[in-house]
C-alpha cells in the first residue's frame, strides 16, 4: 500500500478468531489493533482512530450492536466503516445490524478471503489512495498505483512524504486536517515527529504544485490546520 498502513480494529472475544483475523489482516498490509470486548473497543477507537472496524456482534457486557450504535451516533466516528460479524443468519438479524449502522454484515463461519475482500471494498470508499485508486481534484490527478501526480497534464515530482500528504488531502477535499491528524495519517501513529514538520512538508508540496504556474490549491486555516480547496 502506498500511504501509511490503514488501521483495522478487530473486536472479537474469541482469542483464536481474534488471532486469525489479526494475522491475515497484517499479511494483507494492514496495521491491526485488537479488542476482546465492547468497553475495550470504545476506548481503542479513541486511542487508535481506526480506518475500519471488524466487529463481532456477540460480545460480553457491551454487545457489538451497542458499540456500533454508539460509534454511528458520534460525529467523529460515524464515517468509520464497520463490518459486523455474527453467527445470526436470519434476515431480521442482518437488517437489525445494518439499520444500527453497520456498513456490511458477514455471517459466521466466514471465508477469510471474502472478509479481506470486504475490508478492501470498504476502504476503497473511505481511503481510496490506500486502496491504490486514482484521485482527481480540479486539474490535479493522483494515481496511487503508479505513484504519479499530474497537474494540468504536466507531471509533478513529489517525494514520498509529499505524495502521502497530497493523497490524504485529496481523499477529502475541503476537510480541514489538524497537524496532529496529518502526522497520524502520513507519518504513522507509532512515529514521533514534531508538528512543525508538517508545515515544512506542506511548504514543499505547495512549491511543487505551483511550480508550473498554477494557483495554490492548499488552504491554511489559522489555528486549525490545512485543507485542499
Protein backbone atom coordinates (compact mmCIF):
# COMPACT_ATOMS: atom_id res chain seq x y z
CA UNK A 1 0.00 0.00 0.00
CA UNK A 2 1.33 3.40 -0.94
CA UNK A 3 0.24 5.52 2.03
CA UNK A 4 0.68 4.77 5.72
CA UNK A 5 -0.98 1.45 6.54
CA UNK A 6 -4.69 1.75 7.23
CA UNK A 7 -5.54 0.65 10.77
CA UNK A 8 -8.13 -2.08 11.32
CA UNK A 9 -9.65 -2.51 14.78
CA UNK A 10 -10.66 -6.14 15.34
CA UNK A 11 -13.23 -6.60 18.11
CA UNK A 12 -13.66 -10.31 18.87
CA UNK A 13 -13.96 -12.08 22.24
CA UNK A 14 -12.78 -15.48 20.98
CA UNK A 15 -8.94 -15.45 21.21
CA UNK A 16 -8.40 -17.90 18.33
CA UNK A 17 -10.67 -15.92 15.97
CA UNK A 18 -9.04 -12.66 17.05
CA UNK A 19 -5.55 -14.01 16.30
CA UNK A 20 -6.55 -15.47 12.91
CA UNK A 21 -8.14 -12.17 11.86
CA UNK A 22 -5.14 -10.17 13.08
CA UNK A 23 -2.65 -12.45 11.31
CA UNK A 24 -4.48 -12.31 7.98
CA UNK A 25 -5.05 -8.56 8.10
CA UNK A 26 -1.37 -7.92 8.86
CA UNK A 27 -0.44 -10.24 5.98
CA UNK A 28 -2.60 -8.01 3.73
CA UNK A 29 -0.56 -4.97 4.80
CA UNK A 30 -2.87 -3.52 7.44
CA UNK A 31 -1.94 -2.25 10.88
CA UNK A 32 -4.11 -4.12 13.41
CA UNK A 33 -5.43 -3.15 16.83
CA UNK A 34 -7.39 -5.74 18.83
CA UNK A 35 -10.10 -5.57 21.48
CA UNK A 36 -11.73 -8.52 23.27
CA UNK A 37 -14.88 -6.74 24.49
CA UNK A 38 -17.09 -3.74 23.80
CA UNK A 39 -15.68 -1.49 26.56
CA UNK A 40 -12.12 -2.01 25.32
CA UNK A 41 -13.27 -1.38 21.74
CA UNK A 42 -14.74 2.02 22.63
CA UNK A 43 -11.50 3.01 24.37
CA UNK A 44 -9.31 1.83 21.48
CA UNK A 45 -11.42 3.70 18.92
CA UNK A 46 -10.34 6.95 20.59
CA UNK A 47 -6.73 5.86 21.04
CA UNK A 48 -6.15 4.24 17.63
CA UNK A 49 -8.57 6.18 15.38
CA UNK A 50 -9.04 3.13 13.13
CA UNK A 51 -9.83 3.42 9.42
CA UNK A 52 -12.21 0.44 9.62
CA UNK A 53 -13.66 -1.80 12.37
CA UNK A 54 -14.34 -5.55 12.17
CA UNK A 55 -16.85 -6.05 14.99
CA UNK A 56 -18.31 -9.23 16.46
CA UNK A 57 -21.99 -8.99 17.43
CA UNK A 58 -21.85 -11.32 20.47
CA UNK A 59 -19.54 -9.62 22.95
CA UNK A 60 -19.65 -9.80 26.76
CA UNK A 61 -21.21 -6.85 28.61
CA UNK A 62 -21.44 -4.24 25.83
CA UNK A 63 -22.64 -6.00 22.65
CA UNK A 64 -21.30 -5.34 19.17
CA UNK A 65 -24.67 -3.85 18.22
CA UNK A 66 -24.39 -1.35 21.09
CA UNK A 67 -20.77 -0.48 20.16
CA UNK A 68 -21.92 0.08 16.56
CA UNK A 69 -24.86 2.24 17.68
CA UNK A 70 -22.64 4.43 19.88
CA UNK A 71 -19.98 4.92 17.21
CA UNK A 72 -22.51 5.77 14.50
CA UNK A 73 -24.10 8.49 16.67
CA UNK A 74 -20.76 10.25 17.24
CA UNK A 75 -19.71 12.89 14.72
CA UNK A 76 -16.03 11.86 14.90
CA UNK A 77 -16.64 8.15 14.25
CA UNK A 78 -19.87 7.90 12.25
CA UNK A 79 -18.00 7.65 8.94
CA UNK A 80 -15.67 4.84 10.07
CA UNK A 81 -16.82 1.70 8.22
CA UNK A 82 -17.98 -1.17 10.44
CA UNK A 83 -18.15 -4.77 9.24
CA UNK A 84 -20.35 -6.77 11.63
CA UNK A 85 -19.53 -10.45 12.22
CA UNK A 86 -22.31 -12.67 13.52
CA UNK A 87 -23.49 -16.27 13.73
CA UNK A 88 -27.02 -14.87 13.43
CA UNK A 89 -28.04 -15.66 9.87
CA UNK A 90 -31.73 -14.73 9.98
CA UNK A 91 -32.77 -11.86 7.73
CA UNK A 92 -34.21 -9.95 10.69
CA UNK A 93 -30.78 -10.01 12.38
CA UNK A 94 -28.97 -8.82 9.25
CA UNK A 95 -31.49 -6.00 8.89
CA UNK A 96 -31.06 -5.02 12.54
CA UNK A 97 -27.29 -4.94 12.17
CA UNK A 98 -27.43 -2.78 9.05
CA UNK A 99 -30.10 -0.48 10.50
CA UNK A 100 -27.90 0.08 13.57
CA UNK A 101 -25.31 1.48 11.18
CA UNK A 102 -23.09 -1.44 10.17
CA UNK A 103 -21.72 -0.93 6.65
CA UNK A 104 -21.52 -4.67 5.96
CA UNK A 105 -22.71 -7.88 7.64
CA UNK A 106 -20.77 -11.15 7.45
CA UNK A 107 -22.22 -14.42 8.74
CA UNK A 108 -20.06 -16.89 10.69
CA UNK A 109 -18.44 -19.16 9.69
CA UNK A 110 -16.99 -16.92 7.01
CA UNK A 111 -14.28 -17.18 4.38
CA UNK A 112 -11.15 -15.21 5.35
CA UNK A 113 -10.56 -14.43 1.66
CA UNK A 114 -14.07 -12.98 1.33
CA UNK A 115 -13.72 -10.96 4.53
CA UNK A 116 -10.42 -9.47 3.32
CA UNK A 117 -12.15 -8.51 0.05
CA UNK A 118 -14.94 -6.82 2.01
CA UNK A 119 -12.42 -4.89 4.11
CA UNK A 120 -10.67 -3.66 0.96
CA UNK A 121 -14.03 -2.74 -0.62
CA UNK A 122 -14.94 -0.54 2.35
CA UNK A 123 -11.50 1.11 2.30
CA UNK A 124 -11.83 1.87 -1.43
CA UNK A 125 -14.80 4.00 -0.44
CA UNK A 126 -13.24 5.77 2.55
CA UNK A 127 -9.47 5.69 1.78
CA UNK A 128 -9.17 5.36 -1.99
CA UNK A 129 -5.48 6.27 -2.12
CA UNK A 130 -4.62 3.46 0.31
CA UNK A 131 -6.52 1.10 -1.98
CA UNK A 132 -4.37 2.15 -4.96
CA UNK A 133 -7.04 4.13 -6.79
CA UNK A 134 -6.83 7.26 -8.95
CA UNK A 135 -7.90 10.55 -7.34
CA UNK A 136 -8.80 13.80 -9.12
CA UNK A 137 -9.30 17.33 -7.85
CA UNK A 138 -9.74 20.15 -10.36
CA UNK A 139 -6.63 19.90 -12.60
CA UNK A 140 -4.69 17.61 -10.22
CA UNK A 141 -4.62 13.85 -10.84
CA UNK A 142 -3.01 11.43 -8.39
CA UNK A 143 -2.53 7.82 -9.43
CA UNK A 144 -1.84 5.84 -6.25
CA UNK A 145 -0.94 2.67 -8.15
CA UNK A 146 1.76 4.19 -10.38
CA UNK A 147 2.73 6.82 -7.76
CA UNK A 148 2.43 9.69 -10.27
CA UNK A 149 0.89 13.13 -9.92
CA UNK A 150 -0.16 15.32 -12.86
CA UNK A 151 -1.26 18.93 -12.80
CA UNK A 152 -2.91 20.25 -15.93
CA UNK A 153 -1.31 17.32 -17.78
CA UNK A 154 2.23 18.02 -16.59
CA UNK A 155 3.96 15.63 -14.21
CA UNK A 156 4.63 16.94 -10.70
CA UNK A 157 7.66 15.44 -8.98
CA UNK A 158 6.94 14.71 -5.30
CA UNK A 159 8.90 12.98 -2.57
CA UNK A 160 7.25 10.04 -0.75
CA UNK A 161 6.08 12.18 2.19
CA UNK A 162 4.61 14.90 -0.02
CA UNK A 163 2.87 12.23 -2.08
CA UNK A 164 1.24 10.72 1.03
CA UNK A 165 0.32 14.20 2.23
CA UNK A 166 -1.35 15.10 -1.07
CA UNK A 167 -3.18 11.76 -1.26
CA UNK A 168 -4.60 12.32 2.24
CA UNK A 169 -5.79 15.83 1.35
CA UNK A 170 -7.25 14.64 -1.97
CA UNK A 171 -9.28 11.88 -0.32
CA UNK A 172 -11.43 14.51 1.38
CA UNK A 173 -11.24 17.89 -0.43
CA UNK A 174 -12.46 20.73 1.76
CA UNK A 175 -11.85 18.88 5.02
CA UNK A 176 -9.57 20.71 7.42
CA UNK A 177 -6.90 18.38 8.83
CA UNK A 178 -5.09 19.34 12.01
CA UNK A 179 -1.33 18.90 12.14
CA UNK A 180 -1.76 16.01 14.59
CA UNK A 181 -4.21 14.24 12.26
CA UNK A 182 -1.84 14.64 9.33
CA UNK A 183 1.04 13.29 11.41
CA UNK A 184 -1.02 10.20 12.27
CA UNK A 185 -2.18 9.61 8.69
CA UNK A 186 1.01 10.48 6.79
CA UNK A 187 3.86 9.59 9.14
CA UNK A 188 2.10 6.92 11.21
CA UNK A 189 0.86 6.77 14.80
CA UNK A 190 3.92 4.89 16.06
CA UNK A 191 6.43 7.53 14.97
CA UNK A 192 7.20 10.70 16.93
CA UNK A 193 7.59 13.72 14.66
CA UNK A 194 7.32 17.38 15.68
CA UNK A 195 4.16 19.06 14.37
CA UNK A 196 6.30 21.75 12.73
CA UNK A 197 7.49 19.04 10.34
CA UNK A 198 4.01 19.13 8.80
CA UNK A 199 4.43 22.83 7.98
CA UNK A 200 7.76 22.14 6.28
CA UNK A 201 6.30 19.41 4.05
CA UNK A 202 3.17 21.45 3.27
CA UNK A 203 5.54 24.19 2.10
CA UNK A 204 7.38 21.74 -0.16
CA UNK A 205 4.10 20.38 -1.51
CA UNK A 206 2.88 23.91 -2.26
CA UNK A 207 6.10 24.72 -4.10
CA UNK A 208 5.83 21.56 -6.23
CA UNK A 209 2.15 22.07 -7.08
CA UNK A 210 2.61 25.70 -8.09
CA UNK A 211 5.91 25.11 -9.91
CA UNK A 212 4.23 25.22 -13.33
CA UNK A 213 2.38 28.45 -12.60
CA UNK A 214 -0.91 27.09 -11.29
CA UNK A 215 -2.76 28.64 -8.34
CA UNK A 216 -2.06 27.32 -4.85
CA UNK A 217 -4.77 24.69 -4.12
CA UNK A 218 -3.81 24.31 -0.44
CA UNK A 219 -5.55 26.36 2.22
CA UNK A 220 -4.06 27.21 5.62
CA UNK A 221 -6.74 27.53 8.29
CA UNK A 222 -5.31 29.59 11.12
CA UNK A 223 -5.25 27.68 14.38
CA UNK A 224 -6.84 24.59 12.78
CA UNK A 225 -4.62 23.10 10.05
CA UNK A 226 -4.70 22.57 6.30
CA UNK A 227 -7.14 21.58 3.58
CA UNK A 228 -7.26 21.09 -0.16
CA UNK A 229 -9.62 23.72 -1.52
